[in-house]
Amino acid sequence: MSLLKIVPDQGNSLYIVLLLEGEIWKRIYKSLFFNSLHHLLSLSTVSEVKRSFSILEDKIAKAYVMRCLGKKAFLKSERSEERRVGKEC
């Protein structure tokens, strides 16, 4: 039996709940984490699961921040380009 179990959140379909040793451990956003959790299911100790999840959480958070900053920079460059084009006309 696995230490970690992934179940849907009953209150909100955007989230999933991680059960560690049968107890609710984490409630996480499904679209950010779901495809990255499979390797945690094979870990054999609670400390391994917690350590690996912490590393995964940091990695996903950094990727999310970079994606948001990239979108912000793109939108800013789009507005800047629109202003330049508007001045030329």
Protein backbone atom coordinates (compact mmCIF):
# COMPACT_ATOMS: atom_id res chain seq x y z
CA MET A 1 0.00 0.00 0.00
CA SER A 2 1.21 3.48 -0.88
CA LEU A 3 1.82 6.08 1.81
CA LEU A 4 0.41 8.77 -0.46
CA LYS A 5 -3.02 8.79 -2.04
CA ILE A 6 -4.37 11.39 -4.47
CA VAL A 7 -8.11 12.10 -4.30
CA PRO A 8 -10.34 14.78 -5.84
CA ASP A 9 -11.35 17.65 -3.59
CA GLN A 10 -15.04 17.23 -2.84
CA GLY A 11 -15.62 20.98 -2.51
CA ASN A 12 -13.82 22.24 -5.59
CA SER A 13 -12.93 20.34 -8.76
CA LEU A 14 -9.94 22.63 -9.40
CA TYR A 15 -8.09 21.07 -6.45
CA ILE A 16 -6.89 17.65 -5.40
CA VAL A 17 -6.17 16.41 -1.91
CA LEU A 18 -3.09 14.45 -0.94
CA LEU A 19 -3.62 11.93 1.83
CA LEU A 20 -0.48 10.87 3.66
CA GLU A 21 -0.96 7.73 5.70
CA GLY A 22 -4.72 8.17 5.37
CA GLU A 23 -4.78 11.73 6.77
CA ILE A 24 -5.30 14.92 4.76
CA TRP A 25 -1.86 16.36 4.20
CA LYS A 26 -2.11 18.90 1.35
CA ARG A 27 -4.77 20.51 -0.82
CA ILE A 28 -3.18 21.58 -4.10
CA TYR A 29 -4.19 23.16 -7.40
CA LYS A 30 -4.75 20.33 -9.86
CA SER A 31 -3.57 22.00 -13.07
CA LEU A 32 -0.18 22.88 -11.58
CA PHE A 33 0.65 19.60 -9.88
CA PHE A 34 -1.33 16.68 -11.26
CA ASN A 35 1.09 15.49 -13.97
CA SER A 36 4.06 15.70 -11.59
CA LEU A 37 2.85 13.62 -8.66
CA HIS A 38 3.19 10.07 -10.01
CA HIS A 39 6.74 9.52 -8.75
CA LEU A 40 5.70 10.37 -5.18
CA LEU A 41 3.40 7.35 -5.08
CA SER A 42 6.32 4.92 -5.13
CA LEU A 43 8.22 6.43 -2.20
CA SER A 44 8.39 4.28 0.90
CA THR A 45 8.83 6.67 3.84
CA VAL A 46 6.98 9.76 5.03
CA SER A 47 10.21 11.76 5.11
CA GLU A 48 10.96 10.86 1.46
CA VAL A 49 7.46 11.92 0.39
CA LYS A 50 7.70 15.23 2.25
CA ARG A 51 11.20 15.99 0.97
CA SER A 52 10.34 15.10 -2.62
CA PHE A 53 7.10 17.09 -2.53
CA SER A 54 8.94 20.12 -1.15
CA ILE A 55 11.43 19.95 -4.03
CA LEU A 56 8.59 19.51 -6.52
CA GLU A 57 6.64 22.40 -4.99
CA ASP A 58 9.65 24.73 -5.34
CA LYS A 59 10.20 23.67 -8.94
CA ILE A 60 6.55 24.21 -9.89
CA ALA A 61 6.39 27.55 -8.07
CA LYS A 62 9.48 28.84 -9.89
CA ALA A 63 8.12 27.71 -13.26
CA TYR A 64 4.77 29.37 -12.53
CA VAL A 65 6.43 32.65 -11.54
CA MET A 66 8.58 32.63 -14.68
CA ARG A 67 5.51 31.95 -16.84
CA CYS A 68 3.64 34.85 -15.21
CA LEU A 69 6.58 37.20 -15.59
CA GLY A 70 6.97 36.16 -19.22
CA LYS A 71 3.31 36.93 -19.91
CA LYS A 72 3.64 40.27 -18.17
CA ALA A 73 6.72 41.16 -20.22
CA PHE A 74 4.99 40.09 -23.43
CA LEU A 75 1.92 42.19 -22.67
CA LYS A 76 4.12 45.15 -21.81
CA SER A 77 6.02 44.82 -25.11
CA GLU A 78 2.70 44.54 -26.98
CA ARG A 79 1.46 47.79 -25.43
CA SER A 80 4.75 49.45 -26.21
CA GLU A 81 4.52 48.30 -29.83
CA GLU A 82 0.93 49.58 -30.09
CA ARG A 83 2.03 53.00 -28.84
CA ARG A 84 4.84 53.16 -31.41
CA VAL A 85 2.53 52.15 -34.24
CA GLY A 86 -0.07 54.68 -33.08
CA LYS A 87 2.50 57.50 -33.12
CA GLU A 88 3.60 56.68 -36.67
CA CYS A 89 0.06 56.99 -38.10
